[in-house]
Amino acid sequence: MRKLAGAAFVSLDGVMQAPGGPTEDPTGGFALGGWVFGVGDDVIDPVLGGLFEPPYALLLGRRTYDIFAAYWPFVEGEMADMGDAFTAADKYVVTDSDQPLEWANSHRLDGIAAIGALKQSDGPDLLIQGSSTLYPPLLAAGLIDELVLMTFPVVLGTGKRLFGDGTPPGTLRLIDQQVGAKGVIVTRWAPAGPVAIGPHPHPSTSAAEAERQRRMIEGRW
């Protein structure tokens, strides 16, 4: 059985859109693409080196696939080795489009159930890159084994978020953490079940609290 990990660059307010450059993904009027490069931090390189140690297979949404397919097969210079590695890796693309997947070793998946079946098959572990729309349904289906979050000390205000609409409530267990000299925080998390809700340890019995509760019930608070 394959493991499925999601690795994402995120801002302090949870935005993961277009970390790599201004033209990467400006949808929704997002104008801050390339935000990771304003905070270079040495803690990132070893993490990325571990994530992209072969063998692995990529799991991508269609837009992230299009971004990668237009860049990595053609990149030159010091990033050419990474481009070759991405081309050689299997790339599983969740899409309902009938547009061809022309990048070598690309495979179409027609939904979340197909990802569940893929996890049950033999092969290298799966790594999500980008693809913000995949996280809510994958978390809801219990298919993500680990999250690797590289949180940058920036607040972006708007943009596609890691935990977007449809994300189910849940608890995460911290596996590991590192803090870079410039404030980048790398954390590894594993899903750990539902949110535990307990009674307030010191509930108020004041008349003011009783009145506040009454106003809430009546829709006046």
N, C-alpha and C. Protein backbone atom coordinates (compact mmCIF):
# COMPACT_ATOMS: atom_id res chain seq x y z
N MET A 1 0.85 -1.20 0.00
CA MET A 1 0.00 0.00 0.00
C MET A 1 0.88 1.25 0.00
N ARG A 2 0.54 2.19 -0.84
CA ARG A 2 1.31 3.43 -0.92
C ARG A 2 0.87 4.42 0.16
N LYS A 3 1.82 5.21 0.64
CA LYS A 3 1.48 6.34 1.49
C LYS A 3 1.22 7.56 0.60
N LEU A 4 0.40 8.46 1.12
CA LEU A 4 0.10 9.71 0.43
C LEU A 4 0.44 10.87 1.34
N ALA A 5 1.38 11.70 0.90
CA ALA A 5 1.77 12.89 1.65
C ALA A 5 1.47 14.13 0.83
N GLY A 6 1.07 15.18 1.51
CA GLY A 6 0.90 16.48 0.87
C GLY A 6 1.98 17.42 1.39
N ALA A 7 2.70 18.06 0.50
CA ALA A 7 3.75 19.01 0.88
C ALA A 7 3.41 20.36 0.28
N ALA A 8 3.38 21.39 1.10
CA ALA A 8 2.92 22.70 0.61
C ALA A 8 3.68 23.84 1.25
N PHE A 9 3.96 24.85 0.43
CA PHE A 9 4.38 26.15 0.95
C PHE A 9 3.11 26.91 1.33
N VAL A 10 3.06 27.43 2.54
CA VAL A 10 1.88 28.18 2.96
C VAL A 10 2.30 29.46 3.68
N SER A 11 1.45 30.47 3.59
CA SER A 11 1.66 31.70 4.35
C SER A 11 1.10 31.50 5.76
N LEU A 12 1.36 32.46 6.63
CA LEU A 12 0.83 32.36 8.00
C LEU A 12 -0.69 32.31 8.01
N ASP A 13 -1.34 32.92 7.03
CA ASP A 13 -2.80 32.87 6.98
C ASP A 13 -3.30 31.77 6.05
N GLY A 14 -2.46 30.78 5.76
CA GLY A 14 -2.90 29.56 5.10
C GLY A 14 -2.99 29.59 3.59
N VAL A 15 -2.49 30.65 2.94
CA VAL A 15 -2.56 30.74 1.48
C VAL A 15 -1.41 29.94 0.86
N MET A 16 -1.72 29.16 -0.18
CA MET A 16 -0.69 28.39 -0.87
C MET A 16 -0.62 28.71 -2.35
N GLN A 17 -1.32 29.73 -2.80
CA GLN A 17 -1.40 30.03 -4.22
C GLN A 17 -0.11 30.65 -4.74
N ALA A 18 0.34 30.17 -5.89
CA ALA A 18 1.42 30.77 -6.67
C ALA A 18 2.66 31.14 -5.86
N PRO A 19 3.23 30.18 -5.13
CA PRO A 19 4.45 30.53 -4.41
C PRO A 19 5.64 30.78 -5.33
N GLY A 20 5.61 30.21 -6.56
CA GLY A 20 6.79 30.19 -7.39
C GLY A 20 7.03 31.37 -8.30
N GLY A 21 6.01 32.21 -8.56
CA GLY A 21 6.25 33.33 -9.46
C GLY A 21 4.98 34.07 -9.82
N PRO A 22 5.08 35.30 -10.30
CA PRO A 22 3.92 36.13 -10.57
C PRO A 22 3.01 35.60 -11.67
N THR A 23 3.53 34.80 -12.61
CA THR A 23 2.70 34.28 -13.69
C THR A 23 2.24 32.85 -13.44
N GLU A 24 2.59 32.29 -12.28
CA GLU A 24 2.26 30.89 -12.01
C GLU A 24 0.76 30.65 -11.94
N ASP A 25 0.05 31.44 -11.16
CA ASP A 25 -1.40 31.26 -11.01
C ASP A 25 -2.03 32.55 -10.50
N PRO A 26 -2.34 33.49 -11.41
CA PRO A 26 -2.94 34.76 -10.98
C PRO A 26 -4.47 34.72 -10.90
N THR A 27 -5.08 33.51 -10.95
CA THR A 27 -6.53 33.42 -10.94
C THR A 27 -7.10 34.09 -9.69
N GLY A 28 -8.29 34.69 -9.87
CA GLY A 28 -8.92 35.42 -8.78
C GLY A 28 -8.28 36.76 -8.52
N GLY A 29 -7.41 37.21 -9.44
CA GLY A 29 -6.74 38.49 -9.27
C GLY A 29 -5.57 38.44 -8.30
N PHE A 30 -5.07 37.23 -8.01
CA PHE A 30 -3.97 37.11 -7.05
C PHE A 30 -2.72 37.75 -7.64
N ALA A 31 -2.15 38.73 -6.91
CA ALA A 31 -1.07 39.55 -7.46
C ALA A 31 0.24 39.40 -6.70
N LEU A 32 0.35 38.38 -5.83
CA LEU A 32 1.53 38.24 -4.99
C LEU A 32 2.31 36.98 -5.30
N GLY A 33 2.17 36.45 -6.52
CA GLY A 33 2.89 35.24 -6.90
C GLY A 33 4.39 35.40 -6.75
N GLY A 34 5.04 34.36 -6.25
CA GLY A 34 6.47 34.39 -6.00
C GLY A 34 6.83 34.77 -4.58
N TRP A 35 5.86 34.70 -3.68
CA TRP A 35 6.05 35.20 -2.31
C TRP A 35 7.07 34.40 -1.51
N VAL A 36 7.40 33.16 -1.90
CA VAL A 36 8.38 32.41 -1.11
C VAL A 36 9.79 32.97 -1.26
N PHE A 37 10.08 33.64 -2.38
CA PHE A 37 11.45 34.04 -2.65
C PHE A 37 11.86 35.32 -1.91
N GLY A 38 10.91 35.97 -1.27
CA GLY A 38 11.26 37.11 -0.44
C GLY A 38 11.82 36.70 0.90
N VAL A 39 11.69 35.42 1.24
CA VAL A 39 12.18 34.91 2.53
C VAL A 39 12.98 33.64 2.26
N GLY A 40 14.23 33.80 1.85
CA GLY A 40 15.07 32.61 1.66
C GLY A 40 15.49 32.07 3.02
N ASP A 41 15.40 30.77 3.22
CA ASP A 41 15.73 30.20 4.51
C ASP A 41 16.37 28.83 4.29
N ASP A 42 17.51 28.62 4.93
CA ASP A 42 18.27 27.39 4.71
C ASP A 42 17.54 26.14 5.18
N VAL A 43 16.51 26.29 5.99
CA VAL A 43 15.79 25.11 6.49
C VAL A 43 15.03 24.39 5.37
N ILE A 44 14.77 25.09 4.26
CA ILE A 44 13.92 24.53 3.21
C ILE A 44 14.65 23.48 2.37
N ASP A 45 15.89 23.72 1.99
CA ASP A 45 16.56 22.83 1.03
C ASP A 45 16.64 21.38 1.50
N PRO A 46 17.02 21.10 2.77
CA PRO A 46 17.05 19.69 3.19
C PRO A 46 15.67 19.04 3.18
N VAL A 47 14.65 19.80 3.48
CA VAL A 47 13.29 19.25 3.46
C VAL A 47 12.91 18.86 2.04
N LEU A 48 13.15 19.75 1.09
CA LEU A 48 12.82 19.45 -0.30
C LEU A 48 13.66 18.29 -0.82
N GLY A 49 14.92 18.23 -0.41
CA GLY A 49 15.76 17.12 -0.83
C GLY A 49 15.22 15.78 -0.36
N GLY A 50 14.69 15.75 0.86
CA GLY A 50 14.10 14.52 1.36
C GLY A 50 12.80 14.16 0.67
N LEU A 51 11.99 15.16 0.39
CA LEU A 51 10.71 14.91 -0.27
C LEU A 51 10.90 14.34 -1.67
N PHE A 52 11.90 14.85 -2.38
CA PHE A 52 12.09 14.47 -3.78
C PHE A 52 13.23 13.47 -3.96
N GLU A 53 13.42 12.65 -2.95
CA GLU A 53 14.37 11.54 -3.07
C GLU A 53 13.63 10.38 -3.74
N PRO A 54 14.03 9.99 -4.95
CA PRO A 54 13.32 8.90 -5.64
C PRO A 54 13.39 7.61 -4.82
N PRO A 55 12.38 6.74 -5.00
CA PRO A 55 11.25 6.88 -5.94
C PRO A 55 10.06 7.57 -5.30
N TYR A 56 9.31 8.29 -6.10
CA TYR A 56 8.05 8.90 -5.69
C TYR A 56 7.20 9.07 -6.93
N ALA A 57 5.91 9.25 -6.71
CA ALA A 57 4.99 9.59 -7.80
C ALA A 57 4.25 10.85 -7.39
N LEU A 58 3.96 11.70 -8.35
CA LEU A 58 3.27 12.96 -8.07
C LEU A 58 1.77 12.80 -8.24
N LEU A 59 1.01 13.41 -7.34
CA LEU A 59 -0.44 13.50 -7.45
C LEU A 59 -0.78 14.97 -7.61
N LEU A 60 -1.46 15.30 -8.72
CA LEU A 60 -1.66 16.69 -9.08
C LEU A 60 -3.10 16.94 -9.51
N GLY A 61 -3.59 18.15 -9.20
CA GLY A 61 -4.80 18.63 -9.84
C GLY A 61 -4.47 19.11 -11.24
N ARG A 62 -5.50 19.34 -12.05
CA ARG A 62 -5.25 19.65 -13.46
C ARG A 62 -4.50 20.96 -13.65
N ARG A 63 -4.83 21.99 -12.87
CA ARG A 63 -4.14 23.27 -13.07
C ARG A 63 -2.68 23.18 -12.66
N THR A 64 -2.40 22.51 -11.56
CA THR A 64 -1.00 22.34 -11.17
C THR A 64 -0.26 21.52 -12.21
N TYR A 65 -0.91 20.50 -12.73
CA TYR A 65 -0.29 19.70 -13.80
C TYR A 65 0.07 20.60 -14.99
N ASP A 66 -0.85 21.46 -15.41
CA ASP A 66 -0.58 22.34 -16.55
C ASP A 66 0.59 23.27 -16.26
N ILE A 67 0.67 23.79 -15.02
CA ILE A 67 1.80 24.65 -14.64
C ILE A 67 3.10 23.88 -14.72
N PHE A 68 3.12 22.68 -14.15
CA PHE A 68 4.33 21.87 -14.14
C PHE A 68 4.73 21.45 -15.56
N ALA A 69 3.73 21.02 -16.35
CA ALA A 69 4.02 20.50 -17.69
C ALA A 69 4.54 21.58 -18.63
N ALA A 70 4.22 22.82 -18.36
CA ALA A 70 4.71 23.92 -19.20
C ALA A 70 6.08 24.42 -18.75
N TYR A 71 6.54 23.94 -17.60
CA TYR A 71 7.81 24.43 -17.06
C TYR A 71 8.88 23.36 -16.95
N TRP A 72 8.60 22.29 -16.20
CA TRP A 72 9.65 21.36 -15.82
C TRP A 72 10.27 20.58 -16.99
N PRO A 73 9.55 20.18 -18.01
CA PRO A 73 10.22 19.46 -19.10
C PRO A 73 11.18 20.33 -19.90
N PHE A 74 11.08 21.64 -19.73
CA PHE A 74 11.86 22.56 -20.56
C PHE A 74 12.88 23.36 -19.76
N VAL A 75 12.92 23.17 -18.43
CA VAL A 75 13.80 23.98 -17.60
C VAL A 75 15.26 23.61 -17.89
N GLU A 76 16.13 24.60 -17.81
CA GLU A 76 17.55 24.40 -18.08
C GLU A 76 18.37 24.86 -16.88
N GLY A 77 19.66 24.69 -16.98
CA GLY A 77 20.54 25.17 -15.92
C GLY A 77 20.50 24.28 -14.70
N GLU A 78 20.62 24.90 -13.53
CA GLU A 78 20.77 24.14 -12.28
C GLU A 78 19.52 23.36 -11.90
N MET A 79 18.35 23.71 -12.48
CA MET A 79 17.12 23.00 -12.17
C MET A 79 16.80 21.88 -13.16
N ALA A 80 17.69 21.66 -14.14
CA ALA A 80 17.41 20.67 -15.17
C ALA A 80 17.29 19.26 -14.59
N ASP A 81 18.10 18.95 -13.58
CA ASP A 81 18.02 17.61 -12.98
C ASP A 81 16.66 17.38 -12.34
N MET A 82 16.11 18.41 -11.68
CA MET A 82 14.78 18.28 -11.10
C MET A 82 13.74 18.10 -12.19
N GLY A 83 13.87 18.81 -13.27
CA GLY A 83 12.96 18.65 -14.39
C GLY A 83 13.00 17.23 -14.95
N ASP A 84 14.21 16.68 -15.07
CA ASP A 84 14.34 15.30 -15.57
C ASP A 84 13.69 14.32 -14.60
N ALA A 85 13.87 14.56 -13.29
CA ALA A 85 13.29 13.66 -12.30
C ALA A 85 11.77 13.71 -12.35
N PHE A 86 11.20 14.90 -12.48
CA PHE A 86 9.74 15.02 -12.57
C PHE A 86 9.22 14.34 -13.84
N THR A 87 9.95 14.48 -14.93
CA THR A 87 9.53 13.84 -16.17
C THR A 87 9.55 12.33 -16.02
N ALA A 88 10.56 11.80 -15.36
CA ALA A 88 10.68 10.35 -15.19
C ALA A 88 9.65 9.78 -14.23
N ALA A 89 9.20 10.59 -13.26
CA ALA A 89 8.25 10.10 -12.26
C ALA A 89 6.87 9.92 -12.87
N ASP A 90 6.11 8.96 -12.34
CA ASP A 90 4.70 8.87 -12.70
C ASP A 90 3.96 10.07 -12.13
N LYS A 91 3.07 10.63 -12.93
CA LYS A 91 2.27 11.79 -12.52
C LYS A 91 0.80 11.43 -12.68
N TYR A 92 0.09 11.39 -11.57
CA TYR A 92 -1.33 11.05 -11.56
C TYR A 92 -2.13 12.34 -11.45
N VAL A 93 -3.00 12.58 -12.42
CA VAL A 93 -3.68 13.86 -12.55
C VAL A 93 -5.18 13.66 -12.35
N VAL A 94 -5.72 14.32 -11.34
CA VAL A 94 -7.15 14.23 -11.06
C VAL A 94 -7.86 15.28 -11.92
N THR A 95 -8.62 14.82 -12.90
CA THR A 95 -9.25 15.76 -13.83
C THR A 95 -10.47 15.13 -14.48
N ASP A 96 -11.45 15.97 -14.76
CA ASP A 96 -12.59 15.51 -15.55
C ASP A 96 -12.53 16.05 -16.97
N SER A 97 -11.41 16.69 -17.31
CA SER A 97 -11.20 17.20 -18.67
C SER A 97 -10.75 16.07 -19.58
N ASP A 98 -11.13 16.18 -20.85
CA ASP A 98 -10.67 15.18 -21.82
C ASP A 98 -9.45 15.68 -22.60
N GLN A 99 -8.87 16.80 -22.16
CA GLN A 99 -7.67 17.29 -22.81
C GLN A 99 -6.52 16.31 -22.59
N PRO A 100 -5.67 16.09 -23.58
CA PRO A 100 -4.60 15.10 -23.45
C PRO A 100 -3.58 15.50 -22.40
N LEU A 101 -2.97 14.50 -21.79
CA LEU A 101 -1.88 14.69 -20.84
C LEU A 101 -0.59 14.31 -21.58
N GLU A 102 0.06 15.28 -22.17
CA GLU A 102 1.13 15.01 -23.12
C GLU A 102 2.50 14.82 -22.46
N TRP A 103 2.66 15.23 -21.23
CA TRP A 103 3.93 15.06 -20.53
C TRP A 103 4.17 13.57 -20.27
N ALA A 104 5.34 13.09 -20.50
CA ALA A 104 5.64 11.66 -20.35
C ALA A 104 5.29 11.15 -18.97
N ASN A 105 4.79 9.93 -18.91
CA ASN A 105 4.47 9.23 -17.67
C ASN A 105 3.33 9.90 -16.89
N SER A 106 2.40 10.49 -17.62
CA SER A 106 1.22 11.11 -17.01
C SER A 106 0.02 10.18 -17.13
N HIS A 107 -0.79 10.13 -16.07
CA HIS A 107 -1.92 9.21 -16.01
C HIS A 107 -3.14 9.96 -15.47
N ARG A 108 -4.26 9.74 -16.09
CA ARG A 108 -5.49 10.41 -15.71
C ARG A 108 -6.21 9.64 -14.59
N LEU A 109 -6.71 10.36 -13.58
CA LEU A 109 -7.58 9.80 -12.55
C LEU A 109 -8.90 10.56 -12.59
N ASP A 110 -10.01 9.83 -12.43
CA ASP A 110 -11.30 10.49 -12.60
C ASP A 110 -11.98 10.89 -11.30
N GLY A 111 -11.28 10.82 -10.18
CA GLY A 111 -11.89 11.29 -8.94
C GLY A 111 -11.20 10.74 -7.72
N ILE A 112 -11.75 11.10 -6.54
CA ILE A 112 -11.13 10.73 -5.28
C ILE A 112 -11.13 9.22 -5.08
N ALA A 113 -12.19 8.54 -5.52
CA ALA A 113 -12.24 7.08 -5.37
C ALA A 113 -11.08 6.42 -6.10
N ALA A 114 -10.68 6.98 -7.23
CA ALA A 114 -9.57 6.44 -7.99
C ALA A 114 -8.25 6.60 -7.22
N ILE A 115 -8.15 7.65 -6.43
CA ILE A 115 -6.95 7.83 -5.62
C ILE A 115 -6.89 6.76 -4.54
N GLY A 116 -8.05 6.45 -3.95
CA GLY A 116 -8.09 5.37 -2.97
C GLY A 116 -7.63 4.05 -3.55
N ALA A 117 -8.06 3.76 -4.77
CA ALA A 117 -7.63 2.53 -5.43
C ALA A 117 -6.14 2.57 -5.75
N LEU A 118 -5.65 3.74 -6.15
CA LEU A 118 -4.23 3.88 -6.46
C LEU A 118 -3.38 3.63 -5.22
N LYS A 119 -3.82 4.10 -4.07
CA LYS A 119 -3.07 3.86 -2.84
C LYS A 119 -2.94 2.38 -2.53
N GLN A 120 -3.93 1.61 -2.92
CA GLN A 120 -3.92 0.17 -2.63
C GLN A 120 -3.00 -0.60 -3.58
N SER A 121 -2.54 0.05 -4.63
CA SER A 121 -1.72 -0.64 -5.63
C SER A 121 -0.25 -0.61 -5.24
N ASP A 122 0.55 -1.40 -5.95
CA ASP A 122 1.99 -1.40 -5.74
C ASP A 122 2.61 -0.20 -6.46
N GLY A 123 3.68 0.31 -5.88
CA GLY A 123 4.36 1.42 -6.50
C GLY A 123 4.91 2.37 -5.46
N PRO A 124 5.61 3.41 -5.89
CA PRO A 124 6.19 4.36 -4.95
C PRO A 124 5.13 5.20 -4.25
N ASP A 125 5.50 5.78 -3.13
CA ASP A 125 4.58 6.64 -2.40
C ASP A 125 4.20 7.86 -3.24
N LEU A 126 3.07 8.45 -2.89
CA LEU A 126 2.49 9.56 -3.64
C LEU A 126 2.74 10.87 -2.92
N LEU A 127 3.04 11.91 -3.69
CA LEU A 127 3.33 13.23 -3.13
C LEU A 127 2.49 14.27 -3.85
N ILE A 128 1.65 14.98 -3.12
CA ILE A 128 0.86 16.09 -3.69
C ILE A 128 1.74 17.32 -3.77
N GLN A 129 1.71 17.98 -4.92
CA GLN A 129 2.33 19.28 -5.08
C GLN A 129 1.27 20.26 -5.54
N GLY A 130 1.27 21.47 -4.94
CA GLY A 130 0.24 22.44 -5.30
C GLY A 130 -1.13 21.85 -5.06
N SER A 131 -2.04 22.07 -6.03
CA SER A 131 -3.31 21.33 -6.08
C SER A 131 -4.18 21.55 -4.84
N SER A 132 -4.46 22.80 -4.53
CA SER A 132 -5.21 23.13 -3.32
C SER A 132 -6.59 22.47 -3.29
N THR A 133 -7.20 22.24 -4.45
CA THR A 133 -8.55 21.68 -4.45
C THR A 133 -8.58 20.21 -4.03
N LEU A 134 -7.43 19.55 -4.02
CA LEU A 134 -7.41 18.13 -3.64
C LEU A 134 -7.49 17.92 -2.13
N TYR A 135 -7.02 18.88 -1.36
CA TYR A 135 -6.89 18.64 0.08
C TYR A 135 -8.22 18.41 0.80
N PRO A 136 -9.24 19.25 0.61
CA PRO A 136 -10.49 19.00 1.34
C PRO A 136 -11.09 17.62 1.09
N PRO A 137 -11.27 17.18 -0.18
CA PRO A 137 -11.87 15.86 -0.37
C PRO A 137 -10.97 14.72 0.07
N LEU A 138 -9.66 14.87 -0.06
CA LEU A 138 -8.76 13.80 0.38
C LEU A 138 -8.77 13.67 1.91
N LEU A 139 -8.81 14.80 2.61
CA LEU A 139 -8.91 14.75 4.06
C LEU A 139 -10.24 14.15 4.49
N ALA A 140 -11.30 14.54 3.80
CA ALA A 140 -12.62 14.01 4.13
C ALA A 140 -12.68 12.50 3.92
N ALA A 141 -11.96 12.00 2.92
CA ALA A 141 -11.95 10.57 2.63
C ALA A 141 -10.92 9.80 3.46
N GLY A 142 -10.15 10.51 4.27
CA GLY A 142 -9.15 9.84 5.09
C GLY A 142 -7.99 9.27 4.31
N LEU A 143 -7.63 9.89 3.19
CA LEU A 143 -6.62 9.32 2.30
C LEU A 143 -5.24 9.94 2.48
N ILE A 144 -5.13 11.04 3.21
CA ILE A 144 -3.83 11.68 3.41
C ILE A 144 -3.18 11.10 4.67
N ASP A 145 -1.96 10.62 4.51
CA ASP A 145 -1.22 10.03 5.63
C ASP A 145 -0.35 11.05 6.35
N GLU A 146 0.10 12.07 5.65
CA GLU A 146 1.01 13.03 6.26
C GLU A 146 0.92 14.36 5.53
N LEU A 147 1.06 15.44 6.28
CA LEU A 147 1.17 16.79 5.73
C LEU A 147 2.53 17.35 6.10
N VAL A 148 3.23 17.89 5.11
CA VAL A 148 4.50 18.57 5.33
C VAL A 148 4.28 20.04 4.95
N LEU A 149 4.22 20.89 5.95
CA LEU A 149 3.90 22.29 5.71
C LEU A 149 5.12 23.16 5.97
N MET A 150 5.46 23.96 4.96
CA MET A 150 6.55 24.92 5.07
C MET A 150 5.91 26.30 5.15
N THR A 151 5.81 26.81 6.38
CA THR A 151 5.04 28.01 6.66
C THR A 151 5.97 29.22 6.69
N PHE A 152 5.68 30.18 5.81
CA PHE A 152 6.54 31.36 5.66
C PHE A 152 5.98 32.52 6.47
N PRO A 153 6.85 33.38 7.00
CA PRO A 153 6.40 34.50 7.83
C PRO A 153 5.87 35.66 6.99
N VAL A 154 4.83 35.38 6.22
CA VAL A 154 4.15 36.40 5.43
C VAL A 154 2.65 36.21 5.58
N VAL A 155 1.91 37.28 5.48
CA VAL A 155 0.44 37.26 5.48
C VAL A 155 0.00 37.80 4.12
N LEU A 156 -0.78 37.01 3.39
CA LEU A 156 -1.15 37.37 2.02
C LEU A 156 -2.56 37.91 1.89
N GLY A 157 -3.41 37.60 2.83
CA GLY A 157 -4.76 38.18 2.85
C GLY A 157 -5.77 37.49 1.96
N THR A 158 -5.40 37.21 0.72
CA THR A 158 -6.31 36.54 -0.20
C THR A 158 -5.54 35.45 -0.93
N GLY A 159 -6.27 34.56 -1.57
CA GLY A 159 -5.66 33.51 -2.36
C GLY A 159 -6.18 32.14 -1.99
N LYS A 160 -5.82 31.16 -2.77
CA LYS A 160 -6.26 29.78 -2.53
C LYS A 160 -5.59 29.25 -1.27
N ARG A 161 -6.42 28.64 -0.43
CA ARG A 161 -5.92 28.18 0.87
C ARG A 161 -5.80 26.66 0.92
N LEU A 162 -4.86 26.21 1.72
CA LEU A 162 -4.67 24.78 1.91
C LEU A 162 -5.93 24.13 2.46
N PHE A 163 -6.49 24.69 3.50
CA PHE A 163 -7.70 24.16 4.10
C PHE A 163 -8.87 25.01 3.63
N GLY A 164 -9.29 24.78 2.39
CA GLY A 164 -10.34 25.59 1.78
C GLY A 164 -11.72 25.04 2.06
N ASP A 165 -12.69 25.51 1.29
CA ASP A 165 -14.08 25.09 1.46
C ASP A 165 -14.20 23.58 1.36
N GLY A 166 -14.95 23.01 2.29
CA GLY A 166 -15.16 21.57 2.28
C GLY A 166 -14.19 20.79 3.15
N THR A 167 -13.21 21.46 3.74
CA THR A 167 -12.28 20.76 4.63
C THR A 167 -13.02 20.26 5.87
N PRO A 168 -12.92 18.98 6.20
CA PRO A 168 -13.63 18.47 7.37
C PRO A 168 -12.90 18.84 8.65
N PRO A 169 -13.61 18.94 9.77
CA PRO A 169 -12.92 19.14 11.05
C PRO A 169 -12.11 17.91 11.40
N GLY A 170 -11.03 18.10 12.10
CA GLY A 170 -10.20 16.97 12.49
C GLY A 170 -9.02 17.43 13.33
N THR A 171 -8.36 16.48 13.96
CA THR A 171 -7.19 16.74 14.79
C THR A 171 -5.95 16.23 14.07
N LEU A 172 -4.85 16.93 14.25
CA LEU A 172 -3.58 16.52 13.67
C LEU A 172 -2.57 16.26 14.78
N ARG A 173 -1.71 15.28 14.54
CA ARG A 173 -0.64 14.95 15.50
C ARG A 173 0.68 15.43 14.93
N LEU A 174 1.43 16.21 15.71
CA LEU A 174 2.71 16.73 15.27
C LEU A 174 3.76 15.62 15.28
N ILE A 175 4.39 15.40 14.13
CA ILE A 175 5.44 14.39 14.00
C ILE A 175 6.82 15.01 14.20
N ASP A 176 7.01 16.20 13.62
CA ASP A 176 8.34 16.82 13.66
C ASP A 176 8.19 18.30 13.37
N GLN A 177 9.15 19.09 13.82
CA GLN A 177 9.14 20.52 13.54
C GLN A 177 10.56 21.06 13.47
N GLN A 178 10.73 22.07 12.63
CA GLN A 178 12.00 22.77 12.51
C GLN A 178 11.69 24.25 12.29
N VAL A 179 12.55 25.10 12.83
CA VAL A 179 12.38 26.54 12.63
C VAL A 179 13.66 27.09 12.02
N GLY A 180 13.53 27.75 10.88
CA GLY A 180 14.68 28.32 10.21
C GLY A 180 15.10 29.64 10.82
N ALA A 181 16.30 30.08 10.49
CA ALA A 181 16.83 31.32 11.04
C ALA A 181 16.02 32.54 10.62
N LYS A 182 15.33 32.45 9.48
CA LYS A 182 14.54 33.59 9.00
C LYS A 182 13.05 33.41 9.27
N GLY A 183 12.69 32.42 10.07
CA GLY A 183 11.31 32.31 10.50
C GLY A 183 10.44 31.33 9.76
N VAL A 184 10.99 30.62 8.77
CA VAL A 184 10.21 29.58 8.11
C VAL A 184 10.07 28.40 9.07
N ILE A 185 8.85 27.93 9.24
CA ILE A 185 8.56 26.82 10.15
C ILE A 185 8.16 25.61 9.33
N VAL A 186 8.88 24.52 9.47
CA VAL A 186 8.57 23.28 8.78
C VAL A 186 7.96 22.31 9.79
N THR A 187 6.75 21.88 9.53
CA THR A 187 6.07 20.96 10.42
C THR A 187 5.57 19.75 9.64
N ARG A 188 5.60 18.59 10.27
CA ARG A 188 5.05 17.36 9.72
C ARG A 188 3.91 16.90 10.61
N TRP A 189 2.79 16.59 9.99
CA TRP A 189 1.57 16.26 10.72
C TRP A 189 0.97 14.96 10.19
N ALA A 190 0.34 14.23 11.08
CA ALA A 190 -0.44 13.07 10.69
C ALA A 190 -1.86 13.25 11.20
N PRO A 191 -2.87 12.90 10.39
CA PRO A 191 -4.25 12.97 10.89
C PRO A 191 -4.41 12.11 12.14
N ALA A 192 -5.18 12.62 13.09
CA ALA A 192 -5.29 11.95 14.39
C ALA A 192 -6.73 11.87 14.89
N GLY A 193 -7.69 11.82 13.96
CA GLY A 193 -9.06 11.58 14.38
C GLY A 193 -9.89 12.84 14.52
N PRO A 194 -11.11 12.70 15.03
CA PRO A 194 -12.03 13.83 15.13
C PRO A 194 -11.62 14.84 16.20
N VAL A 195 -12.18 16.02 16.11
CA VAL A 195 -11.95 17.05 17.12
C VAL A 195 -12.66 16.64 18.41
N ALA A 196 -11.92 16.61 19.50
CA ALA A 196 -12.50 16.27 20.80
C ALA A 196 -13.01 17.54 21.46
N ILE A 197 -14.27 17.54 21.82
CA ILE A 197 -14.90 18.71 22.44
C ILE A 197 -15.36 18.33 23.83
N GLY A 198 -14.91 19.07 24.81
CA GLY A 198 -15.29 18.78 26.19
C GLY A 198 -16.04 19.94 26.81
N PRO A 199 -16.61 19.74 28.00
CA PRO A 199 -17.33 20.82 28.68
C PRO A 199 -16.36 21.90 29.17
N HIS A 200 -16.85 23.11 29.28
CA HIS A 200 -16.05 24.20 29.83
C HIS A 200 -15.70 23.85 31.27
N PRO A 201 -14.40 23.95 31.64
CA PRO A 201 -14.02 23.54 32.99
C PRO A 201 -14.54 24.45 34.10
N HIS A 202 -14.81 25.70 33.75
CA HIS A 202 -15.28 26.65 34.76
C HIS A 202 -16.43 27.48 34.19
N PRO A 203 -17.59 26.86 33.96
CA PRO A 203 -18.70 27.60 33.34
C PRO A 203 -19.21 28.72 34.24
N SER A 204 -19.62 29.81 33.58
CA SER A 204 -20.16 30.94 34.32
C SER A 204 -21.61 30.68 34.71
N THR A 205 -21.95 31.07 35.90
CA THR A 205 -23.35 30.97 36.36
C THR A 205 -23.94 32.35 36.63
N SER A 206 -23.29 33.39 36.09
CA SER A 206 -23.75 34.75 36.36
C SER A 206 -25.04 35.05 35.62
N ALA A 207 -25.77 36.02 36.13
CA ALA A 207 -26.99 36.47 35.47
C ALA A 207 -26.66 37.08 34.11
N ALA A 208 -25.49 37.73 34.02
CA ALA A 208 -25.09 38.33 32.74
C ALA A 208 -24.89 37.26 31.68
N GLU A 209 -24.28 36.12 32.06
CA GLU A 209 -24.08 35.03 31.11
C GLU A 209 -25.41 34.40 30.72
N ALA A 210 -26.31 34.26 31.69
CA ALA A 210 -27.63 33.70 31.38
C ALA A 210 -28.36 34.59 30.38
N GLU A 211 -28.22 35.90 30.54
CA GLU A 211 -28.86 36.83 29.61
C GLU A 211 -28.21 36.74 28.23
N ARG A 212 -26.90 36.61 28.19
CA ARG A 212 -26.20 36.47 26.91
C ARG A 212 -26.66 35.20 26.19
N GLN A 213 -26.77 34.10 26.90
CA GLN A 213 -27.25 32.87 26.30
C GLN A 213 -28.67 33.03 25.76
N ARG A 214 -29.51 33.76 26.50
CA ARG A 214 -30.88 33.99 26.06
C ARG A 214 -30.91 34.79 24.76
N ARG A 215 -30.07 35.82 24.69
CA ARG A 215 -30.01 36.64 23.48
C ARG A 215 -29.54 35.81 22.28
N MET A 216 -28.58 34.91 22.49
CA MET A 216 -28.11 34.05 21.40
C MET A 216 -29.23 33.17 20.89
N ILE A 217 -29.98 32.56 21.79
CA ILE A 217 -31.08 31.69 21.40
C ILE A 217 -32.12 32.45 20.60
N GLU A 218 -32.35 33.69 20.99
CA GLU A 218 -33.37 34.52 20.33
C GLU A 218 -32.83 35.23 19.08
N GLY A 219 -31.53 35.04 18.79
CA GLY A 219 -30.95 35.68 17.61
C GLY A 219 -30.70 37.15 17.78
N ARG A 220 -30.53 37.62 19.00
CA ARG A 220 -30.32 39.05 19.26
C ARG A 220 -28.90 39.37 19.70
N TRP A 221 -28.01 38.42 19.67
CA TRP A 221 -26.64 38.64 20.17
C TRP A 221 -25.69 38.95 19.03
